[in-house]
Amino acid sequence: MSEQESSGGMMHAPGAEHARLKPFLGTFRSQVKLWMGPADPMVSTGTMNNTSALGGLFVRQEYEGDPNEGPFPSFAGHGFWGYNMTSQRYEGFWIDNASSIMQNETGAVDESGKVWTMRGEMPDPQTAEPITKRSVITLQDDDHHRMEMYFSKDGQEFKGMEIEYTRSS
């Protein structure tokens, strides 16, 4: 663990686990598929801008959906993603204007260093009953990654969202 002395105590310096997040930095165009039931998914597009925050310890995510006629005509969201050196887990936090839910996830990257599996729990936006969430983030190359989100309710897991990201700058 890398640490450096500071007048305020110990401060963490980014490590190898943080460096794994560098390919996600930049601006990416997205294609979002959202399933709200057994029908075909709703499809939308947008832009994700990921920047380094707090000395490289975190990735700051700022998303703006393109205007559309769906149920989320001006979707926007913000998040943070990083590696917690104390718990030795990746952690993510997400908020958006589609609900007032603050979503938290924790997880790990596989041995290839290209697939993160993150898990969390949240209230079902329709019923307020707790549901579990599993996000799988796959780094395909420095210019492409995918996020797939699965929800579990009553012992059944179903895919709720898939986002394909392509670097635009």
C-alpha atoms as a PDB file:
ATOM      1  CA  MET A   1       0.000   0.000   0.000  1.00  0.00           C
ATOM      2  CA  SER A   2       1.405   3.392  -1.010  1.00  0.00           C
ATOM      3  CA  GLU A   3       1.025   6.124   1.560  1.00  0.00           C
ATOM      4  CA  GLN A   4       2.604   9.487   2.089  1.00  0.00           C
ATOM      5  CA  GLU A   5       2.843  11.653   5.185  1.00  0.00           C
ATOM      6  CA  SER A   6       0.678  14.750   5.311  1.00  0.00           C
ATOM      7  CA  SER A   7       0.133  17.369   7.976  1.00  0.00           C
ATOM      8  CA  GLY A   8      -3.386  15.951   8.314  1.00  0.00           C
ATOM      9  CA  GLY A   9      -2.220  12.351   8.831  1.00  0.00           C
ATOM     10  CA  MET A  10      -1.769   9.577   6.264  1.00  0.00           C
ATOM     11  CA  MET A  11      -2.892  10.041   2.675  1.00  0.00           C
ATOM     12  CA  HIS A  12      -3.198   7.261   0.136  1.00  0.00           C
ATOM     13  CA  ALA A  13      -1.394   7.561  -3.167  1.00  0.00           C
ATOM     14  CA  PRO A  14      -2.872   5.767  -6.190  1.00  0.00           C
ATOM     15  CA  GLY A  15      -1.647   2.214  -6.663  1.00  0.00           C
ATOM     16  CA  ALA A  16      -1.746  -0.448  -9.373  1.00  0.00           C
ATOM     17  CA  GLU A  17      -5.462  -1.024  -8.741  1.00  0.00           C
ATOM     18  CA  HIS A  18      -6.177   2.635  -9.561  1.00  0.00           C
ATOM     19  CA  ALA A  19      -4.038   2.428 -12.715  1.00  0.00           C
ATOM     20  CA  ARG A  20      -6.403  -0.280 -14.013  1.00  0.00           C
ATOM     21  CA  LEU A  21      -9.098   2.416 -14.267  1.00  0.00           C
ATOM     22  CA  LYS A  22      -7.064   4.737 -16.560  1.00  0.00           C
ATOM     23  CA  PRO A  23      -8.475   3.273 -19.832  1.00  0.00           C
ATOM     24  CA  PHE A  24     -11.908   4.489 -18.705  1.00  0.00           C
ATOM     25  CA  LEU A  25     -10.768   8.136 -18.553  1.00  0.00           C
ATOM     26  CA  GLY A  26     -11.953  10.329 -21.422  1.00  0.00           C
ATOM     27  CA  THR A  27     -15.144  11.062 -23.290  1.00  0.00           C
ATOM     28  CA  PHE A  28     -17.245   8.184 -24.609  1.00  0.00           C
ATOM     29  CA  ARG A  29     -20.379   8.020 -26.743  1.00  0.00           C
ATOM     30  CA  SER A  30     -22.863   5.484 -25.436  1.00  0.00           C
ATOM     31  CA  GLN A  31     -25.678   3.321 -26.694  1.00  0.00           C
ATOM     32  CA  VAL A  32     -27.986   2.340 -23.838  1.00  0.00           C
ATOM     33  CA  LYS A  33     -30.437  -0.558 -23.905  1.00  0.00           C
ATOM     34  CA  LEU A  34     -32.942  -0.537 -21.044  1.00  0.00           C
ATOM     35  CA  TRP A  35     -35.347  -3.393 -20.408  1.00  0.00           C
ATOM     36  CA  MET A  36     -38.455  -2.494 -18.398  1.00  0.00           C
ATOM     37  CA  GLY A  37     -40.017  -5.938 -18.875  1.00  0.00           C
ATOM     38  CA  PRO A  38     -40.034  -8.831 -21.344  1.00  0.00           C
ATOM     39  CA  ALA A  39     -40.474  -6.572 -24.415  1.00  0.00           C
ATOM     40  CA  ASP A  40     -37.670  -5.257 -26.599  1.00  0.00           C
ATOM     41  CA  PRO A  41     -35.416  -2.750 -24.817  1.00  0.00           C
ATOM     42  CA  MET A  42     -35.697   1.002 -25.093  1.00  0.00           C
ATOM     43  CA  VAL A  43     -32.593   2.368 -26.818  1.00  0.00           C
ATOM     44  CA  SER A  44     -31.031   5.767 -26.190  1.00  0.00           C
ATOM     45  CA  THR A  45     -27.669   7.438 -26.670  1.00  0.00           C
ATOM     46  CA  GLY A  46     -25.557   9.879 -24.735  1.00  0.00           C
ATOM     47  CA  THR A  47     -22.095  10.986 -23.679  1.00  0.00           C
ATOM     48  CA  MET A  48     -20.080   9.882 -20.638  1.00  0.00           C
ATOM     49  CA  ASN A  49     -17.185  12.096 -19.567  1.00  0.00           C
ATOM     50  CA  ASN A  50     -14.833  10.350 -17.118  1.00  0.00           C
ATOM     51  CA  THR A  51     -12.116  12.376 -15.413  1.00  0.00           C
ATOM     52  CA  SER A  52      -9.525  11.648 -12.755  1.00  0.00           C
ATOM     53  CA  ALA A  53     -10.444  13.005  -9.321  1.00  0.00           C
ATOM     54  CA  LEU A  54      -8.643  13.601  -6.038  1.00  0.00           C
ATOM     55  CA  GLY A  55      -5.134  12.827  -7.173  1.00  0.00           C
ATOM     56  CA  GLY A  56      -6.048   9.790  -9.259  1.00  0.00           C
ATOM     57  CA  LEU A  57      -7.827   7.893  -6.479  1.00  0.00           C
ATOM     58  CA  PHE A  58     -11.221   8.098  -8.198  1.00  0.00           C
ATOM     59  CA  VAL A  59     -12.884   8.300 -11.604  1.00  0.00           C
ATOM     60  CA  ARG A  60     -15.535  11.047 -11.723  1.00  0.00           C
ATOM     61  CA  GLN A  61     -18.350  10.131 -14.125  1.00  0.00           C
ATOM     62  CA  GLU A  62     -20.636  12.729 -15.734  1.00  0.00           C
ATOM     63  CA  TYR A  63     -23.307  11.429 -18.098  1.00  0.00           C
ATOM     64  CA  GLU A  64     -25.669  13.380 -20.322  1.00  0.00           C
ATOM     65  CA  GLY A  65     -28.218  11.560 -22.424  1.00  0.00           C
ATOM     66  CA  ASP A  66     -29.157  12.843 -25.849  1.00  0.00           C
ATOM     67  CA  PRO A  67     -32.677  14.329 -25.915  1.00  0.00           C
ATOM     68  CA  ASN A  68     -35.221  11.627 -26.756  1.00  0.00           C
ATOM     69  CA  GLU A  69     -38.939  10.936 -26.619  1.00  0.00           C
ATOM     70  CA  GLY A  70     -38.698   8.011 -24.192  1.00  0.00           C
ATOM     71  CA  PRO A  71     -39.536   8.026 -20.482  1.00  0.00           C
ATOM     72  CA  PHE A  72     -36.253   9.828 -19.675  1.00  0.00           C
ATOM     73  CA  PRO A  73     -36.158  12.675 -22.255  1.00  0.00           C
ATOM     74  CA  SER A  74     -33.243  14.551 -20.647  1.00  0.00           C
ATOM     75  CA  PHE A  75     -31.409  11.881 -18.640  1.00  0.00           C
ATOM     76  CA  ALA A  76     -28.325  12.926 -16.653  1.00  0.00           C
ATOM     77  CA  GLY A  77     -26.242  11.139 -14.030  1.00  0.00           C
ATOM     78  CA  HIS A  78     -23.094  11.438 -11.940  1.00  0.00           C
ATOM     79  CA  GLY A  79     -20.921   8.882 -10.235  1.00  0.00           C
ATOM     80  CA  PHE A  80     -17.582   7.981  -8.761  1.00  0.00           C
ATOM     81  CA  TRP A  81     -15.621   4.769  -9.103  1.00  0.00           C
ATOM     82  CA  GLY A  82     -12.405   3.832  -7.354  1.00  0.00           C
ATOM     83  CA  TYR A  83     -10.403   1.329  -5.392  1.00  0.00           C
ATOM     84  CA  ASN A  84     -10.683   1.326  -1.607  1.00  0.00           C
ATOM     85  CA  MET A  85      -7.206   0.398  -0.373  1.00  0.00           C
ATOM     86  CA  THR A  86      -8.526  -0.337   3.116  1.00  0.00           C
ATOM     87  CA  SER A  87     -11.215  -2.857   2.135  1.00  0.00           C
ATOM     88  CA  GLN A  88      -9.266  -3.912  -0.991  1.00  0.00           C
ATOM     89  CA  ARG A  89     -12.428  -3.660  -3.083  1.00  0.00           C
ATOM     90  CA  TYR A  90     -13.532  -1.503  -5.982  1.00  0.00           C
ATOM     91  CA  GLU A  91     -16.419   0.776  -5.024  1.00  0.00           C
ATOM     92  CA  GLY A  92     -18.861   2.781  -7.088  1.00  0.00           C
ATOM     93  CA  PHE A  93     -21.520   5.385  -6.357  1.00  0.00           C
ATOM     94  CA  TRP A  94     -24.166   6.582  -8.846  1.00  0.00           C
ATOM     95  CA  ILE A  95     -27.018   9.107  -8.835  1.00  0.00           C
ATOM     96  CA  ASP A  96     -29.218  10.279 -11.713  1.00  0.00           C
ATOM     97  CA  ASN A  97     -32.345  12.272 -12.428  1.00  0.00           C
ATOM     98  CA  ALA A  98     -34.498   9.197 -13.175  1.00  0.00           C
ATOM     99  CA  SER A  99     -34.910   8.534  -9.428  1.00  0.00           C
ATOM    100  CA  SER A 100     -33.764   9.767  -6.031  1.00  0.00           C
ATOM    101  CA  ILE A 101     -31.932   6.499  -5.276  1.00  0.00           C
ATOM    102  CA  MET A 102     -28.259   6.723  -4.302  1.00  0.00           C
ATOM    103  CA  GLN A 103     -26.737   3.524  -5.670  1.00  0.00           C
ATOM    104  CA  ASN A 104     -23.624   1.957  -4.132  1.00  0.00           C
ATOM    105  CA  GLU A 105     -21.700  -1.069  -5.395  1.00  0.00           C
ATOM    106  CA  THR A 106     -18.585  -2.961  -4.353  1.00  0.00           C
ATOM    107  CA  GLY A 107     -16.647  -5.588  -6.236  1.00  0.00           C
ATOM    108  CA  ALA A 108     -13.458  -6.857  -7.778  1.00  0.00           C
ATOM    109  CA  VAL A 109     -11.678  -7.236 -11.104  1.00  0.00           C
ATOM    110  CA  ASP A 110     -10.913 -10.693 -12.511  1.00  0.00           C
ATOM    111  CA  GLU A 111      -7.411 -12.072 -13.111  1.00  0.00           C
ATOM    112  CA  SER A 112      -7.341 -10.689 -16.666  1.00  0.00           C
ATOM    113  CA  GLY A 113      -7.748  -7.147 -15.273  1.00  0.00           C
ATOM    114  CA  LYS A 114     -10.494  -6.547 -17.830  1.00  0.00           C
ATOM    115  CA  VAL A 115     -13.782  -7.620 -16.162  1.00  0.00           C
ATOM    116  CA  TRP A 116     -15.131  -5.990 -12.998  1.00  0.00           C
ATOM    117  CA  THR A 117     -18.085  -7.512 -11.176  1.00  0.00           C
ATOM    118  CA  MET A 118     -19.789  -5.086  -8.836  1.00  0.00           C
ATOM    119  CA  ARG A 119     -22.686  -5.876  -6.484  1.00  0.00           C
ATOM    120  CA  GLY A 120     -25.138  -3.744  -4.584  1.00  0.00           C
ATOM    121  CA  GLU A 121     -28.615  -3.557  -3.152  1.00  0.00           C
ATOM    122  CA  MET A 122     -31.257  -0.915  -3.750  1.00  0.00           C
ATOM    123  CA  PRO A 123     -34.991  -0.421  -3.363  1.00  0.00           C
ATOM    124  CA  ASP A 124     -37.096  -1.414  -6.372  1.00  0.00           C
ATOM    125  CA  PRO A 125     -38.185   1.977  -7.814  1.00  0.00           C
ATOM    126  CA  GLN A 126     -41.745   0.651  -8.319  1.00  0.00           C
ATOM    127  CA  THR A 127     -42.331  -1.264  -5.064  1.00  0.00           C
ATOM    128  CA  ALA A 128     -39.591  -0.069  -2.651  1.00  0.00           C
ATOM    129  CA  GLU A 129     -38.834  -3.750  -1.928  1.00  0.00           C
ATOM    130  CA  PRO A 130     -35.096  -4.504  -1.775  1.00  0.00           C
ATOM    131  CA  ILE A 131     -33.520  -5.893  -4.931  1.00  0.00           C
ATOM    132  CA  THR A 132     -29.921  -6.850  -5.607  1.00  0.00           C
ATOM    133  CA  LYS A 133     -27.898  -5.528  -8.498  1.00  0.00           C
ATOM    134  CA  ARG A 134     -24.894  -7.023 -10.283  1.00  0.00           C
ATOM    135  CA  SER A 135     -22.965  -4.879 -12.739  1.00  0.00           C
ATOM    136  CA  VAL A 136     -20.387  -6.397 -15.076  1.00  0.00           C
ATOM    137  CA  ILE A 137     -17.990  -3.885 -16.635  1.00  0.00           C
ATOM    138  CA  THR A 138     -15.876  -5.295 -19.458  1.00  0.00           C
ATOM    139  CA  LEU A 139     -12.887  -3.401 -20.837  1.00  0.00           C
ATOM    140  CA  GLN A 140     -12.717  -4.549 -24.464  1.00  0.00           C
ATOM    141  CA  ASP A 141      -9.809  -2.232 -25.392  1.00  0.00           C
ATOM    142  CA  ASP A 142      -8.730   1.343 -24.602  1.00  0.00           C
ATOM    143  CA  ASP A 143     -11.528   2.725 -26.796  1.00  0.00           C
ATOM    144  CA  HIS A 144     -14.451   0.385 -25.974  1.00  0.00           C
ATOM    145  CA  HIS A 145     -16.083  -0.948 -22.841  1.00  0.00           C
ATOM    146  CA  ARG A 146     -19.456  -2.380 -21.874  1.00  0.00           C
ATOM    147  CA  MET A 147     -21.515  -2.239 -18.702  1.00  0.00           C
ATOM    148  CA  GLU A 148     -24.226  -4.857 -18.177  1.00  0.00           C
ATOM    149  CA  MET A 149     -26.573  -4.528 -15.218  1.00  0.00           C
ATOM    150  CA  TYR A 150     -28.556  -7.434 -13.797  1.00  0.00           C
ATOM    151  CA  PHE A 151     -31.213  -7.290 -11.105  1.00  0.00           C
ATOM    152  CA  SER A 152     -32.372 -10.105  -8.812  1.00  0.00           C
ATOM    153  CA  LYS A 153     -35.802 -10.229  -7.304  1.00  0.00           C
ATOM    154  CA  ASP A 154     -37.550 -13.222  -5.746  1.00  0.00           C
ATOM    155  CA  GLY A 155     -34.584 -15.437  -6.673  1.00  0.00           C
ATOM    156  CA  GLN A 156     -34.772 -14.556 -10.373  1.00  0.00           C
ATOM    157  CA  GLU A 157     -31.985 -12.608 -12.080  1.00  0.00           C
ATOM    158  CA  PHE A 158     -32.770 -10.575 -15.194  1.00  0.00           C
ATOM    159  CA  LYS A 159     -30.815  -8.199 -17.402  1.00  0.00           C
ATOM    160  CA  GLY A 160     -32.045  -4.637 -16.955  1.00  0.00           C
ATOM    161  CA  MET A 161     -29.497  -2.549 -18.824  1.00  0.00           C
ATOM    162  CA  GLU A 162     -26.580  -2.712 -21.230  1.00  0.00           C
ATOM    163  CA  ILE A 163     -24.405   0.229 -22.216  1.00  0.00           C
ATOM    164  CA  GLU A 164     -21.811   0.104 -24.999  1.00  0.00           C
ATOM    165  CA  TYR A 165     -19.201   2.875 -24.758  1.00  0.00           C
ATOM    166  CA  THR A 166     -16.978   4.065 -27.647  1.00  0.00           C
ATOM    167  CA  ARG A 167     -14.260   6.661 -27.072  1.00  0.00           C
ATOM    168  CA  SER A 168     -14.916   9.938 -28.839  1.00  0.00           C
ATOM    169  CA  SER A 169     -11.913  11.857 -27.450  1.00  0.00           C
END
